[in-house]
Structure formats: structure tokens, C-alpha cells
């Protein structure tokens, strides 16, 4: 009788539930890559830096961090933040590579 309860509790703790909403960055689409000029690339790179700052700000310790820790030791929020950072970095790298190819210099 005790084993199912322990198993259920363990599964619930490991499932990870993100309480914080992190901004998501899509990959650069083929249409975007074809239409962006140097000025548009600079603007998109600036937006990507802004998204990274939003991710950092959302990840700061607050009441949701406490609730997340109580719920699943903060695993869900950690996974969500890592995923958001990964996607934001990937988009930024794509934009910078596109800028190198199109404009001949890297973003500042």
C-alpha cells in the first residue's frame, strides 16, 4: 500500500511544473532570412538581446520561485528557463551568422 503512494509522489515531483512564463524565440524562418536586410537584422538582434534580458528578469527569485520549489523543487521552472535560453541563443546565433553573410560584419 505504501509503495504506490511513494511512487505517485516521486512521479509528481519529477514531472516538473513551470509556474513562470518565459518568452520563446522561434528559429529564423527561410522567409525571414530572405527578406531581412542589414537594418532589419540589427533590429532583430536587438530584440533577441531584449528577450534574453526578459528571460533573466523572469528567472529572478520571487514568490513563484518559492511555490515552484515547494511543488517540484524548482525543476519545472529550471527546465523552462533553460529551454527559453537555448532557443534565444540559437536565434541570436542564426541572426548573427546571417548578418555576417549579408552585411560582411558581425553585430556589435
C-alpha atoms as a PDB file:
ATOM      1  CA  UNK A   1       0.000   0.000   0.000  1.00  0.00           C
ATOM      2  CA  UNK A   2       2.843   2.367   0.782  1.00  0.00           C
ATOM      3  CA  UNK A   3       4.731   1.684  -2.453  1.00  0.00           C
ATOM      4  CA  UNK A   4       2.056   3.138  -4.791  1.00  0.00           C
ATOM      5  CA  UNK A   5       1.875   6.314  -2.700  1.00  0.00           C
ATOM      6  CA  UNK A   6       5.646   6.726  -2.739  1.00  0.00           C
ATOM      7  CA  UNK A   7       5.759   6.022  -6.483  1.00  0.00           C
ATOM      8  CA  UNK A   8       2.993   8.547  -7.173  1.00  0.00           C
ATOM      9  CA  UNK A   9       4.684  11.211  -5.051  1.00  0.00           C
ATOM     10  CA  UNK A  10       8.015  10.604  -6.751  1.00  0.00           C
ATOM     11  CA  UNK A  11       6.479  10.852 -10.213  1.00  0.00           C
ATOM     12  CA  UNK A  12       4.706  14.081  -9.318  1.00  0.00           C
ATOM     13  CA  UNK A  13       7.927  15.627  -8.025  1.00  0.00           C
ATOM     14  CA  UNK A  14       9.899  14.601 -11.098  1.00  0.00           C
ATOM     15  CA  UNK A  15       7.271  15.725 -13.596  1.00  0.00           C
ATOM     16  CA  UNK A  16       8.275  19.382 -13.318  1.00  0.00           C
ATOM     17  CA  UNK A  17       5.677  22.122 -13.480  1.00  0.00           C
ATOM     18  CA  UNK A  18       6.768  25.542 -14.704  1.00  0.00           C
ATOM     19  CA  UNK A  19       4.927  28.367 -12.981  1.00  0.00           C
ATOM     20  CA  UNK A  20       6.872  31.129 -14.703  1.00  0.00           C
ATOM     21  CA  UNK A  21       6.234  32.073 -18.320  1.00  0.00           C
ATOM     22  CA  UNK A  22       9.447  32.655 -20.244  1.00  0.00           C
ATOM     23  CA  UNK A  23       9.473  34.337 -23.672  1.00  0.00           C
ATOM     24  CA  UNK A  24      10.079  31.916 -26.515  1.00  0.00           C
ATOM     25  CA  UNK A  25      12.248  32.636 -29.545  1.00  0.00           C
ATOM     26  CA  UNK A  26      11.443  30.854 -32.801  1.00  0.00           C
ATOM     27  CA  UNK A  27      14.137  29.830 -35.248  1.00  0.00           C
ATOM     28  CA  UNK A  28      14.779  32.207 -38.118  1.00  0.00           C
ATOM     29  CA  UNK A  29      12.473  31.057 -40.900  1.00  0.00           C
ATOM     30  CA  UNK A  30      13.547  30.826 -44.525  1.00  0.00           C
ATOM     31  CA  UNK A  31      11.210  33.721 -45.378  1.00  0.00           C
ATOM     32  CA  UNK A  32      12.769  35.890 -42.683  1.00  0.00           C
ATOM     33  CA  UNK A  33      16.270  35.010 -43.832  1.00  0.00           C
ATOM     34  CA  UNK A  34      15.423  36.004 -47.404  1.00  0.00           C
ATOM     35  CA  UNK A  35      13.780  39.316 -46.557  1.00  0.00           C
ATOM     36  CA  UNK A  36      15.972  40.740 -43.786  1.00  0.00           C
ATOM     37  CA  UNK A  37      18.370  43.477 -44.825  1.00  0.00           C
ATOM     38  CA  UNK A  38      21.189  44.789 -42.614  1.00  0.00           C
ATOM     39  CA  UNK A  39      18.989  47.270 -40.749  1.00  0.00           C
ATOM     40  CA  UNK A  40      16.312  44.638 -40.100  1.00  0.00           C
ATOM     41  CA  UNK A  41      18.980  42.220 -38.886  1.00  0.00           C
ATOM     42  CA  UNK A  42      20.293  44.834 -36.449  1.00  0.00           C
ATOM     43  CA  UNK A  43      16.753  45.337 -35.153  1.00  0.00           C
ATOM     44  CA  UNK A  44      16.135  41.582 -34.770  1.00  0.00           C
ATOM     45  CA  UNK A  45      19.475  41.132 -32.983  1.00  0.00           C
ATOM     46  CA  UNK A  46      18.498  43.909 -30.578  1.00  0.00           C
ATOM     47  CA  UNK A  47      15.134  42.178 -29.992  1.00  0.00           C
ATOM     48  CA  UNK A  48      16.944  38.901 -29.293  1.00  0.00           C
ATOM     49  CA  UNK A  49      19.129  40.613 -26.685  1.00  0.00           C
ATOM     50  CA  UNK A  50      15.959  42.055 -25.144  1.00  0.00           C
ATOM     51  CA  UNK A  51      14.396  38.571 -24.983  1.00  0.00           C
ATOM     52  CA  UNK A  52      17.487  37.278 -23.195  1.00  0.00           C
ATOM     53  CA  UNK A  53      17.177  40.111 -20.658  1.00  0.00           C
ATOM     54  CA  UNK A  54      13.488  39.256 -20.157  1.00  0.00           C
ATOM     55  CA  UNK A  55      14.425  35.622 -19.516  1.00  0.00           C
ATOM     56  CA  UNK A  56      16.963  36.701 -16.896  1.00  0.00           C
ATOM     57  CA  UNK A  57      14.441  39.047 -15.262  1.00  0.00           C
ATOM     58  CA  UNK A  58      11.721  36.370 -15.223  1.00  0.00           C
ATOM     59  CA  UNK A  59      14.188  33.930 -13.684  1.00  0.00           C
ATOM     60  CA  UNK A  60      14.844  36.172 -10.686  1.00  0.00           C
ATOM     61  CA  UNK A  61      13.846  34.854  -7.283  1.00  0.00           C
ATOM     62  CA  UNK A  62      10.246  35.715  -6.356  1.00  0.00           C
ATOM     63  CA  UNK A  63       7.076  34.184  -4.905  1.00  0.00           C
ATOM     64  CA  UNK A  64       6.677  31.903  -7.937  1.00  0.00           C
ATOM     65  CA  UNK A  65      10.166  30.569  -7.290  1.00  0.00           C
ATOM     66  CA  UNK A  66       9.125  29.607  -3.769  1.00  0.00           C
ATOM     67  CA  UNK A  67       5.907  27.974  -4.950  1.00  0.00           C
ATOM     68  CA  UNK A  68       7.806  26.165  -7.706  1.00  0.00           C
ATOM     69  CA  UNK A  69      10.315  24.867  -5.186  1.00  0.00           C
ATOM     70  CA  UNK A  70       7.538  23.601  -2.946  1.00  0.00           C
ATOM     71  CA  UNK A  71       5.797  21.929  -5.902  1.00  0.00           C
ATOM     72  CA  UNK A  72       8.716  20.229  -7.594  1.00  0.00           C
ATOM     73  CA  UNK A  73      11.936  21.626  -6.119  1.00  0.00           C
ATOM     74  CA  UNK A  74      12.009  24.239  -8.895  1.00  0.00           C
ATOM     75  CA  UNK A  75      12.671  21.660 -11.605  1.00  0.00           C
ATOM     76  CA  UNK A  76       9.861  22.861 -13.899  1.00  0.00           C
ATOM     77  CA  UNK A  77      10.938  26.492 -13.789  1.00  0.00           C
ATOM     78  CA  UNK A  78      14.561  25.473 -14.330  1.00  0.00           C
ATOM     79  CA  UNK A  79      13.679  23.393 -17.379  1.00  0.00           C
ATOM     80  CA  UNK A  80      11.523  26.194 -18.823  1.00  0.00           C
ATOM     81  CA  UNK A  81      14.296  28.771 -18.316  1.00  0.00           C
ATOM     82  CA  UNK A  82      16.947  26.514 -19.856  1.00  0.00           C
ATOM     83  CA  UNK A  83      14.729  25.867 -22.870  1.00  0.00           C
ATOM     84  CA  UNK A  84      13.993  29.584 -23.335  1.00  0.00           C
ATOM     85  CA  UNK A  85      17.715  30.428 -23.084  1.00  0.00           C
ATOM     86  CA  UNK A  86      18.594  27.703 -25.582  1.00  0.00           C
ATOM     87  CA  UNK A  87      16.074  28.965 -28.143  1.00  0.00           C
ATOM     88  CA  UNK A  88      17.014  32.630 -27.651  1.00  0.00           C
ATOM     89  CA  UNK A  89      20.714  31.839 -28.086  1.00  0.00           C
ATOM     90  CA  UNK A  90      20.015  29.738 -31.181  1.00  0.00           C
ATOM     91  CA  UNK A  91      18.005  32.569 -32.793  1.00  0.00           C
ATOM     92  CA  UNK A  92      20.673  35.128 -31.931  1.00  0.00           C
ATOM     93  CA  UNK A  93      23.373  32.917 -33.447  1.00  0.00           C
ATOM     94  CA  UNK A  94      21.317  32.454 -36.618  1.00  0.00           C
ATOM     95  CA  UNK A  95      20.795  36.196 -36.943  1.00  0.00           C
ATOM     96  CA  UNK A  96      24.476  36.958 -36.377  1.00  0.00           C
ATOM     97  CA  UNK A  97      25.520  34.364 -38.972  1.00  0.00           C
ATOM     98  CA  UNK A  98      23.038  35.831 -41.434  1.00  0.00           C
ATOM     99  CA  UNK A  99      24.410  39.308 -40.738  1.00  0.00           C
ATOM    100  CA  UNK A 100      27.970  38.096 -41.367  1.00  0.00           C
ATOM    101  CA  UNK A 101      26.885  36.576 -44.685  1.00  0.00           C
ATOM    102  CA  UNK A 102      24.740  39.516 -45.796  1.00  0.00           C
ATOM    103  CA  UNK A 103      26.445  42.555 -44.374  1.00  0.00           C
ATOM    104  CA  UNK A 104      30.031  41.403 -44.032  1.00  0.00           C
ATOM    105  CA  UNK A 105      30.429  42.206 -40.328  1.00  0.00           C
ATOM    106  CA  UNK A 106      29.252  40.871 -37.018  1.00  0.00           C
ATOM    107  CA  UNK A 107      26.755  42.565 -34.753  1.00  0.00           C
ATOM    108  CA  UNK A 108      28.141  44.926 -32.167  1.00  0.00           C
END
